[in-house]
Amino acid sequence: MAKKKATKKVAKKTTKKTGRPTKYTQQQKDTLLRLAPLGYTNKEMANLIGCAESTFYKLMEDDPIFSESLKISKDLADSLVIDSLFKKATGKISTKEVVSGICPNTGNIIESTRVKEIAPDTTSMIFWLKNRRPDQWREKQVIEHQDATIKIDVDDSGL
């Protein structure tokens, strides 16, 4: 009896996408890239262009350049907020050259340096520490205890 060779059918890879083409334009994507640094969430951005959040994630999956650009926009905004929070928590001294006026006798411009000190903010410090060191600064404290066996003698004779 002759043995038959098993043959595998391999699906051909096609570069042509199937399904309906996307209805989202480059202009909409550009708008989303401008909204991302303003703190909009993915869900909010999806609502603005009139799609479900799952469709928004599919749009990002289908367009890796858009997805990466969106991530960079959000990261930039987060970095600015982190920097501002750090300055507010630690305090800051800034100097600024300002024109005070013009000398009436000589007509020369009078410049002065103004120093402005921003004191550290306690609320910002607490927020920073709770998020950076939650094991030491969280409000909820975990207290561990060991189980103890308690023996209770009940006298049933008096009933």
N, C-alpha and C. Protein backbone atom coordinates (compact mmCIF):
# COMPACT_ATOMS: atom_id res chain seq x y z
N MET A 1 0.83 -1.17 0.00
CA MET A 1 0.00 0.00 0.00
C MET A 1 0.89 1.24 0.00
N ALA A 2 0.59 2.17 -0.82
CA ALA A 2 1.41 3.37 -0.96
C ALA A 2 0.97 4.41 0.07
N LYS A 3 1.96 5.04 0.66
CA LYS A 3 1.67 6.08 1.65
C LYS A 3 1.43 7.40 0.93
N LYS A 4 0.45 8.11 1.41
CA LYS A 4 0.18 9.42 0.84
C LYS A 4 0.91 10.47 1.67
N LYS A 5 1.47 11.43 0.96
CA LYS A 5 2.13 12.54 1.65
C LYS A 5 1.08 13.54 2.11
N ALA A 6 1.25 13.97 3.33
CA ALA A 6 0.34 15.00 3.85
C ALA A 6 0.77 16.34 3.27
N THR A 7 -0.14 17.06 2.76
CA THR A 7 0.18 18.38 2.21
C THR A 7 -0.46 19.44 3.08
N LYS A 8 0.28 20.50 3.29
CA LYS A 8 -0.22 21.63 4.06
C LYS A 8 -0.59 22.73 3.10
N LYS A 9 -1.72 23.30 3.35
CA LYS A 9 -2.11 24.46 2.56
C LYS A 9 -1.70 25.69 3.37
N VAL A 10 -0.93 26.53 2.73
CA VAL A 10 -0.46 27.74 3.38
C VAL A 10 -1.25 28.91 2.82
N ALA A 11 -1.79 29.69 3.71
CA ALA A 11 -2.55 30.86 3.27
C ALA A 11 -1.58 31.89 2.71
N LYS A 12 -1.98 32.49 1.62
CA LYS A 12 -1.14 33.52 1.01
C LYS A 12 -1.29 34.81 1.80
N LYS A 13 -0.17 35.47 2.03
CA LYS A 13 -0.20 36.75 2.72
C LYS A 13 -0.54 37.83 1.70
N THR A 14 -1.49 38.63 2.06
CA THR A 14 -1.85 39.73 1.16
C THR A 14 -1.55 41.03 1.87
N THR A 15 -1.13 41.98 1.12
CA THR A 15 -0.85 43.30 1.69
C THR A 15 -2.08 44.18 1.60
N LYS A 16 -3.07 43.73 0.86
CA LYS A 16 -4.28 44.49 0.70
C LYS A 16 -5.14 44.34 1.95
N LYS A 17 -5.57 45.45 2.51
CA LYS A 17 -6.42 45.40 3.70
C LYS A 17 -7.84 45.07 3.29
N THR A 18 -8.49 44.31 4.13
CA THR A 18 -9.88 43.97 3.87
C THR A 18 -10.75 44.83 4.75
N GLY A 19 -12.02 44.88 4.41
CA GLY A 19 -12.96 45.64 5.21
C GLY A 19 -13.12 47.05 4.68
N ARG A 20 -13.97 47.77 5.37
CA ARG A 20 -14.29 49.13 4.97
C ARG A 20 -13.11 50.05 5.29
N PRO A 21 -12.80 51.00 4.39
CA PRO A 21 -11.72 51.94 4.69
C PRO A 21 -12.11 52.86 5.85
N THR A 22 -11.09 53.37 6.53
CA THR A 22 -11.34 54.22 7.69
C THR A 22 -12.01 55.52 7.26
N LYS A 23 -12.89 56.01 8.10
CA LYS A 23 -13.56 57.27 7.79
C LYS A 23 -12.90 58.44 8.51
N TYR A 24 -11.81 58.17 9.22
CA TYR A 24 -11.15 59.21 10.00
C TYR A 24 -10.05 59.85 9.16
N THR A 25 -10.08 61.15 9.09
CA THR A 25 -9.17 61.89 8.22
C THR A 25 -7.92 62.30 8.97
N GLN A 26 -6.94 62.73 8.20
CA GLN A 26 -5.70 63.22 8.80
C GLN A 26 -5.97 64.48 9.61
N GLN A 27 -6.94 65.28 9.17
CA GLN A 27 -7.29 66.49 9.90
C GLN A 27 -7.82 66.14 11.30
N GLN A 28 -8.62 65.08 11.41
CA GLN A 28 -9.12 64.65 12.71
C GLN A 28 -7.97 64.15 13.59
N LYS A 29 -7.04 63.43 12.98
CA LYS A 29 -5.89 62.94 13.74
C LYS A 29 -5.04 64.11 14.23
N ASP A 30 -4.87 65.14 13.39
CA ASP A 30 -4.11 66.32 13.80
C ASP A 30 -4.79 67.03 14.96
N THR A 31 -6.12 67.10 14.93
CA THR A 31 -6.87 67.71 16.02
C THR A 31 -6.65 66.94 17.32
N LEU A 32 -6.68 65.62 17.22
CA LEU A 32 -6.46 64.78 18.40
C LEU A 32 -5.05 64.98 18.96
N LEU A 33 -4.08 65.15 18.07
CA LEU A 33 -2.70 65.37 18.53
C LEU A 33 -2.56 66.71 19.25
N ARG A 34 -3.40 67.68 18.90
CA ARG A 34 -3.37 68.96 19.61
C ARG A 34 -4.11 68.87 20.94
N LEU A 35 -5.08 67.95 21.05
CA LEU A 35 -5.85 67.81 22.30
C LEU A 35 -5.14 66.97 23.34
N ALA A 36 -4.33 66.02 22.89
CA ALA A 36 -3.66 65.10 23.82
C ALA A 36 -2.84 65.81 24.90
N PRO A 37 -2.04 66.84 24.54
CA PRO A 37 -1.27 67.49 25.60
C PRO A 37 -2.12 68.32 26.56
N LEU A 38 -3.38 68.53 26.24
CA LEU A 38 -4.25 69.31 27.11
C LEU A 38 -4.92 68.47 28.18
N GLY A 39 -4.59 67.16 28.20
CA GLY A 39 -5.10 66.30 29.26
C GLY A 39 -6.31 65.48 28.87
N TYR A 40 -6.71 65.50 27.61
CA TYR A 40 -7.85 64.69 27.18
C TYR A 40 -7.48 63.21 27.27
N THR A 41 -8.41 62.40 27.74
CA THR A 41 -8.20 60.96 27.80
C THR A 41 -8.55 60.35 26.44
N ASN A 42 -8.15 59.11 26.24
CA ASN A 42 -8.48 58.44 24.98
C ASN A 42 -9.99 58.34 24.79
N LYS A 43 -10.72 58.11 25.86
CA LYS A 43 -12.17 58.01 25.78
C LYS A 43 -12.78 59.34 25.36
N GLU A 44 -12.30 60.43 25.93
CA GLU A 44 -12.81 61.76 25.56
C GLU A 44 -12.49 62.09 24.11
N MET A 45 -11.29 61.75 23.66
CA MET A 45 -10.92 62.02 22.27
C MET A 45 -11.76 61.18 21.32
N ALA A 46 -12.05 59.93 21.69
CA ALA A 46 -12.90 59.08 20.86
C ALA A 46 -14.29 59.69 20.73
N ASN A 47 -14.83 60.20 21.83
CA ASN A 47 -16.15 60.84 21.79
C ASN A 47 -16.15 62.06 20.88
N LEU A 48 -15.05 62.82 20.89
CA LEU A 48 -14.98 64.03 20.06
C LEU A 48 -15.01 63.73 18.57
N ILE A 49 -14.45 62.59 18.17
CA ILE A 49 -14.50 62.27 16.74
C ILE A 49 -15.65 61.32 16.42
N GLY A 50 -16.47 61.02 17.42
CA GLY A 50 -17.68 60.25 17.19
C GLY A 50 -17.47 58.76 17.01
N CYS A 51 -16.59 58.18 17.80
CA CYS A 51 -16.40 56.72 17.71
C CYS A 51 -16.31 56.14 19.11
N ALA A 52 -16.42 54.84 19.16
CA ALA A 52 -16.29 54.13 20.44
C ALA A 52 -14.82 54.10 20.84
N GLU A 53 -14.59 53.91 22.12
CA GLU A 53 -13.21 53.86 22.62
C GLU A 53 -12.45 52.69 21.98
N SER A 54 -13.13 51.57 21.77
CA SER A 54 -12.49 50.42 21.13
C SER A 54 -12.07 50.73 19.70
N THR A 55 -12.88 51.51 18.99
CA THR A 55 -12.54 51.93 17.63
C THR A 55 -11.33 52.86 17.65
N PHE A 56 -11.27 53.70 18.66
CA PHE A 56 -10.13 54.61 18.80
C PHE A 56 -8.84 53.82 18.96
N TYR A 57 -8.88 52.76 19.80
CA TYR A 57 -7.69 51.93 19.99
C TYR A 57 -7.34 51.18 18.70
N LYS A 58 -8.34 50.79 17.94
CA LYS A 58 -8.10 50.12 16.66
C LYS A 58 -7.45 51.10 15.68
N LEU A 59 -7.89 52.36 15.70
CA LEU A 59 -7.29 53.40 14.86
C LEU A 59 -5.81 53.57 15.20
N MET A 60 -5.50 53.56 16.49
CA MET A 60 -4.10 53.68 16.90
C MET A 60 -3.30 52.45 16.49
N GLU A 61 -3.92 51.28 16.56
CA GLU A 61 -3.24 50.04 16.17
C GLU A 61 -2.95 50.02 14.67
N ASP A 62 -3.90 50.54 13.88
CA ASP A 62 -3.74 50.55 12.43
C ASP A 62 -2.76 51.61 11.94
N ASP A 63 -2.53 52.63 12.75
CA ASP A 63 -1.64 53.72 12.35
C ASP A 63 -0.58 53.92 13.44
N PRO A 64 0.53 53.16 13.38
CA PRO A 64 1.54 53.25 14.44
C PRO A 64 2.20 54.62 14.55
N ILE A 65 2.28 55.34 13.44
CA ILE A 65 2.87 56.69 13.48
C ILE A 65 1.98 57.62 14.30
N PHE A 66 0.67 57.55 14.06
CA PHE A 66 -0.28 58.35 14.83
C PHE A 66 -0.22 57.96 16.30
N SER A 67 -0.18 56.66 16.57
CA SER A 67 -0.14 56.16 17.94
C SER A 67 1.09 56.68 18.69
N GLU A 68 2.24 56.61 18.05
CA GLU A 68 3.48 57.08 18.68
C GLU A 68 3.46 58.59 18.88
N SER A 69 2.92 59.32 17.90
CA SER A 69 2.81 60.78 18.02
C SER A 69 1.91 61.15 19.19
N LEU A 70 0.82 60.42 19.35
CA LEU A 70 -0.11 60.67 20.45
C LEU A 70 0.57 60.41 21.79
N LYS A 71 1.33 59.34 21.87
CA LYS A 71 2.06 59.01 23.09
C LYS A 71 3.08 60.10 23.44
N ILE A 72 3.81 60.58 22.43
CA ILE A 72 4.80 61.63 22.65
C ILE A 72 4.12 62.91 23.13
N SER A 73 2.97 63.25 22.53
CA SER A 73 2.23 64.46 22.95
C SER A 73 1.81 64.37 24.40
N LYS A 74 1.31 63.20 24.80
CA LYS A 74 0.88 63.03 26.19
C LYS A 74 2.07 63.05 27.14
N ASP A 75 3.17 62.42 26.74
CA ASP A 75 4.36 62.39 27.59
C ASP A 75 4.93 63.79 27.79
N LEU A 76 4.90 64.61 26.76
CA LEU A 76 5.39 65.99 26.87
C LEU A 76 4.56 66.77 27.88
N ALA A 77 3.26 66.64 27.78
CA ALA A 77 2.38 67.33 28.73
C ALA A 77 2.61 66.83 30.16
N ASP A 78 2.75 65.52 30.32
CA ASP A 78 3.00 64.95 31.65
C ASP A 78 4.31 65.48 32.22
N SER A 79 5.33 65.61 31.38
CA SER A 79 6.63 66.13 31.84
C SER A 79 6.51 67.56 32.33
N LEU A 80 5.73 68.37 31.64
CA LEU A 80 5.53 69.76 32.07
C LEU A 80 4.82 69.83 33.42
N VAL A 81 3.83 68.97 33.60
CA VAL A 81 3.10 68.95 34.87
C VAL A 81 4.01 68.47 36.00
N ILE A 82 4.80 67.45 35.73
CA ILE A 82 5.73 66.93 36.74
C ILE A 82 6.72 68.02 37.14
N ASP A 83 7.24 68.74 36.16
CA ASP A 83 8.18 69.82 36.43
C ASP A 83 7.53 70.92 37.28
N SER A 84 6.29 71.28 36.93
CA SER A 84 5.58 72.31 37.69
C SER A 84 5.30 71.86 39.12
N LEU A 85 4.88 70.61 39.27
CA LEU A 85 4.62 70.08 40.61
C LEU A 85 5.89 70.07 41.44
N PHE A 86 6.99 69.68 40.84
CA PHE A 86 8.26 69.64 41.56
C PHE A 86 8.66 71.04 42.02
N LYS A 87 8.52 72.03 41.13
CA LYS A 87 8.86 73.41 41.50
C LYS A 87 7.95 73.92 42.60
N LYS A 88 6.66 73.56 42.53
CA LYS A 88 5.72 74.01 43.55
C LYS A 88 6.02 73.34 44.89
N ALA A 89 6.42 72.07 44.85
CA ALA A 89 6.69 71.34 46.09
C ALA A 89 8.00 71.78 46.73
N THR A 90 8.99 72.15 45.93
CA THR A 90 10.30 72.49 46.47
C THR A 90 10.54 73.99 46.59
N GLY A 91 9.68 74.77 45.99
CA GLY A 91 9.87 76.21 46.01
C GLY A 91 10.78 76.63 44.88
N LYS A 92 10.79 77.93 44.61
CA LYS A 92 11.57 78.42 43.48
C LYS A 92 11.91 79.88 43.70
N ILE A 93 13.09 80.25 43.27
CA ILE A 93 13.48 81.66 43.28
C ILE A 93 13.72 82.05 41.83
N SER A 94 13.05 83.10 41.39
CA SER A 94 13.24 83.55 40.02
C SER A 94 13.65 85.02 40.03
N THR A 95 14.49 85.36 39.08
CA THR A 95 14.89 86.76 38.92
C THR A 95 14.43 87.23 37.56
N LYS A 96 14.10 88.52 37.50
CA LYS A 96 13.60 89.07 36.26
C LYS A 96 14.11 90.49 36.10
N GLU A 97 14.66 90.76 34.94
CA GLU A 97 15.10 92.12 34.63
C GLU A 97 13.89 92.90 34.14
N VAL A 98 13.62 94.01 34.77
CA VAL A 98 12.47 94.82 34.37
C VAL A 98 12.89 96.26 34.18
N VAL A 99 12.20 96.94 33.29
CA VAL A 99 12.43 98.37 33.08
C VAL A 99 11.58 99.11 34.09
N SER A 100 12.26 99.88 34.94
CA SER A 100 11.55 100.61 35.98
C SER A 100 11.03 101.95 35.48
N GLY A 101 11.73 102.50 34.52
CA GLY A 101 11.30 103.80 34.01
C GLY A 101 12.43 104.48 33.26
N ILE A 102 12.24 105.74 32.99
CA ILE A 102 13.25 106.54 32.28
C ILE A 102 13.61 107.72 33.18
N CYS A 103 14.91 107.93 33.30
CA CYS A 103 15.39 109.04 34.12
C CYS A 103 14.99 110.36 33.45
N PRO A 104 14.29 111.24 34.18
CA PRO A 104 13.82 112.49 33.56
C PRO A 104 14.97 113.44 33.21
N ASN A 105 16.09 113.38 33.94
CA ASN A 105 17.20 114.30 33.69
C ASN A 105 18.05 113.87 32.50
N THR A 106 18.38 112.55 32.44
CA THR A 106 19.29 112.07 31.40
C THR A 106 18.58 111.36 30.26
N GLY A 107 17.39 110.85 30.49
CA GLY A 107 16.68 110.09 29.47
C GLY A 107 17.12 108.64 29.39
N ASN A 108 18.00 108.24 30.31
CA ASN A 108 18.46 106.85 30.32
C ASN A 108 17.37 105.93 30.87
N ILE A 109 17.37 104.70 30.35
CA ILE A 109 16.42 103.70 30.83
C ILE A 109 16.94 103.14 32.15
N ILE A 110 16.06 103.09 33.12
CA ILE A 110 16.41 102.56 34.43
C ILE A 110 15.92 101.11 34.49
N GLU A 111 16.88 100.19 34.67
CA GLU A 111 16.54 98.77 34.77
C GLU A 111 16.80 98.31 36.18
N SER A 112 16.00 97.37 36.62
CA SER A 112 16.23 96.79 37.94
C SER A 112 15.97 95.29 37.86
N THR A 113 16.51 94.61 38.85
CA THR A 113 16.32 93.17 38.94
C THR A 113 15.34 92.89 40.06
N ARG A 114 14.31 92.14 39.74
CA ARG A 114 13.34 91.77 40.76
C ARG A 114 13.51 90.30 41.07
N VAL A 115 13.56 90.00 42.33
CA VAL A 115 13.69 88.62 42.78
C VAL A 115 12.35 88.21 43.37
N LYS A 116 11.85 87.10 42.87
CA LYS A 116 10.57 86.58 43.35
C LYS A 116 10.80 85.19 43.91
N GLU A 117 10.38 84.99 45.15
CA GLU A 117 10.54 83.68 45.78
C GLU A 117 9.18 83.04 45.94
N ILE A 118 9.07 81.84 45.45
CA ILE A 118 7.85 81.06 45.62
C ILE A 118 8.13 80.03 46.70
N ALA A 119 7.42 80.15 47.81
CA ALA A 119 7.64 79.24 48.93
C ALA A 119 7.14 77.84 48.58
N PRO A 120 7.79 76.82 49.13
CA PRO A 120 7.30 75.45 48.90
C PRO A 120 5.87 75.30 49.40
N ASP A 121 5.09 74.52 48.69
CA ASP A 121 3.69 74.32 49.00
C ASP A 121 3.49 72.97 49.68
N THR A 122 2.93 72.99 50.87
CA THR A 122 2.76 71.77 51.66
C THR A 122 1.88 70.74 50.96
N THR A 123 0.80 71.18 50.35
CA THR A 123 -0.10 70.25 49.66
C THR A 123 0.61 69.54 48.53
N SER A 124 1.42 70.29 47.78
CA SER A 124 2.18 69.68 46.68
C SER A 124 3.19 68.67 47.21
N MET A 125 3.80 69.00 48.34
CA MET A 125 4.75 68.06 48.94
C MET A 125 4.07 66.76 49.33
N ILE A 126 2.91 66.86 49.97
CA ILE A 126 2.18 65.68 50.40
C ILE A 126 1.77 64.83 49.20
N PHE A 127 1.26 65.49 48.16
CA PHE A 127 0.86 64.78 46.95
C PHE A 127 2.05 64.05 46.34
N TRP A 128 3.16 64.74 46.27
CA TRP A 128 4.37 64.15 45.69
C TRP A 128 4.81 62.92 46.49
N LEU A 129 4.87 63.06 47.79
CA LEU A 129 5.34 61.97 48.63
C LEU A 129 4.39 60.78 48.64
N LYS A 130 3.09 61.03 48.63
CA LYS A 130 2.12 59.93 48.61
C LYS A 130 2.24 59.11 47.33
N ASN A 131 2.58 59.77 46.24
CA ASN A 131 2.69 59.06 44.97
C ASN A 131 4.08 58.48 44.73
N ARG A 132 5.10 59.13 45.22
CA ARG A 132 6.46 58.64 45.00
C ARG A 132 6.90 57.62 46.04
N ARG A 133 6.42 57.77 47.26
CA ARG A 133 6.78 56.87 48.37
C ARG A 133 5.52 56.40 49.09
N PRO A 134 4.64 55.69 48.40
CA PRO A 134 3.38 55.31 49.05
C PRO A 134 3.57 54.39 50.25
N ASP A 135 4.64 53.61 50.25
CA ASP A 135 4.86 52.71 51.39
C ASP A 135 5.12 53.49 52.68
N GLN A 136 5.64 54.69 52.58
CA GLN A 136 5.95 55.48 53.77
C GLN A 136 4.92 56.59 54.04
N TRP A 137 4.21 57.06 53.00
CA TRP A 137 3.40 58.26 53.15
C TRP A 137 1.90 58.07 52.89
N ARG A 138 1.45 56.86 52.62
CA ARG A 138 0.03 56.71 52.36
C ARG A 138 -0.77 56.91 53.63
N GLU A 139 -2.02 57.31 53.46
CA GLU A 139 -2.87 57.57 54.63
C GLU A 139 -3.35 56.28 55.27
N LYS A 140 -3.58 55.27 54.46
CA LYS A 140 -4.05 54.00 54.97
C LYS A 140 -2.86 53.20 55.48
N GLN A 141 -2.82 52.96 56.75
CA GLN A 141 -1.74 52.20 57.34
C GLN A 141 -2.18 50.75 57.52
N VAL A 142 -1.34 49.83 57.15
CA VAL A 142 -1.63 48.41 57.31
C VAL A 142 -0.97 47.94 58.59
N ILE A 143 -1.78 47.41 59.48
CA ILE A 143 -1.26 46.93 60.76
C ILE A 143 -1.40 45.41 60.76
N GLU A 144 -0.29 44.74 60.92
CA GLU A 144 -0.31 43.29 60.94
C GLU A 144 -0.38 42.81 62.38
N HIS A 145 -1.12 41.74 62.57
CA HIS A 145 -1.19 41.15 63.90
C HIS A 145 -1.18 39.64 63.75
N GLN A 146 -0.82 38.98 64.84
CA GLN A 146 -0.79 37.52 64.83
C GLN A 146 -2.08 37.00 65.46
N ASP A 147 -2.57 35.90 64.92
CA ASP A 147 -3.78 35.30 65.49
C ASP A 147 -3.48 34.76 66.88
N ALA A 148 -4.38 35.00 67.77
CA ALA A 148 -4.23 34.49 69.14
C ALA A 148 -5.41 33.56 69.43
N THR A 149 -5.14 32.52 70.14
CA THR A 149 -6.20 31.58 70.51
C THR A 149 -6.75 32.01 71.85
N ILE A 150 -8.07 32.15 71.88
CA ILE A 150 -8.73 32.55 73.12
C ILE A 150 -9.62 31.39 73.55
N LYS A 151 -9.47 30.99 74.80
CA LYS A 151 -10.27 29.88 75.34
C LYS A 151 -11.32 30.47 76.28
N ILE A 152 -12.58 30.12 75.99
CA ILE A 152 -13.68 30.62 76.83
C ILE A 152 -14.37 29.40 77.42
N ASP A 153 -14.46 29.35 78.76
CA ASP A 153 -15.17 28.28 79.45
C ASP A 153 -16.57 28.74 79.75
N VAL A 154 -17.53 27.98 79.30
CA VAL A 154 -18.93 28.31 79.53
C VAL A 154 -19.52 27.26 80.48
N ASP A 155 -20.14 27.73 81.54
CA ASP A 155 -20.74 26.83 82.53
C ASP A 155 -22.23 26.70 82.18
N ASP A 156 -22.61 25.54 81.66
CA ASP A 156 -24.00 25.29 81.26
C ASP A 156 -24.83 24.70 82.41
N SER A 157 -24.27 24.47 83.57
CA SER A 157 -24.99 23.79 84.65
C SER A 157 -26.12 24.62 85.22
N GLY A 158 -26.06 25.91 85.13
CA GLY A 158 -27.06 26.76 85.72
C GLY A 158 -28.30 26.94 84.86
N LEU A 159 -28.37 26.32 83.71
CA LEU A 159 -29.52 26.51 82.83
C LEU A 159 -30.64 25.60 83.13
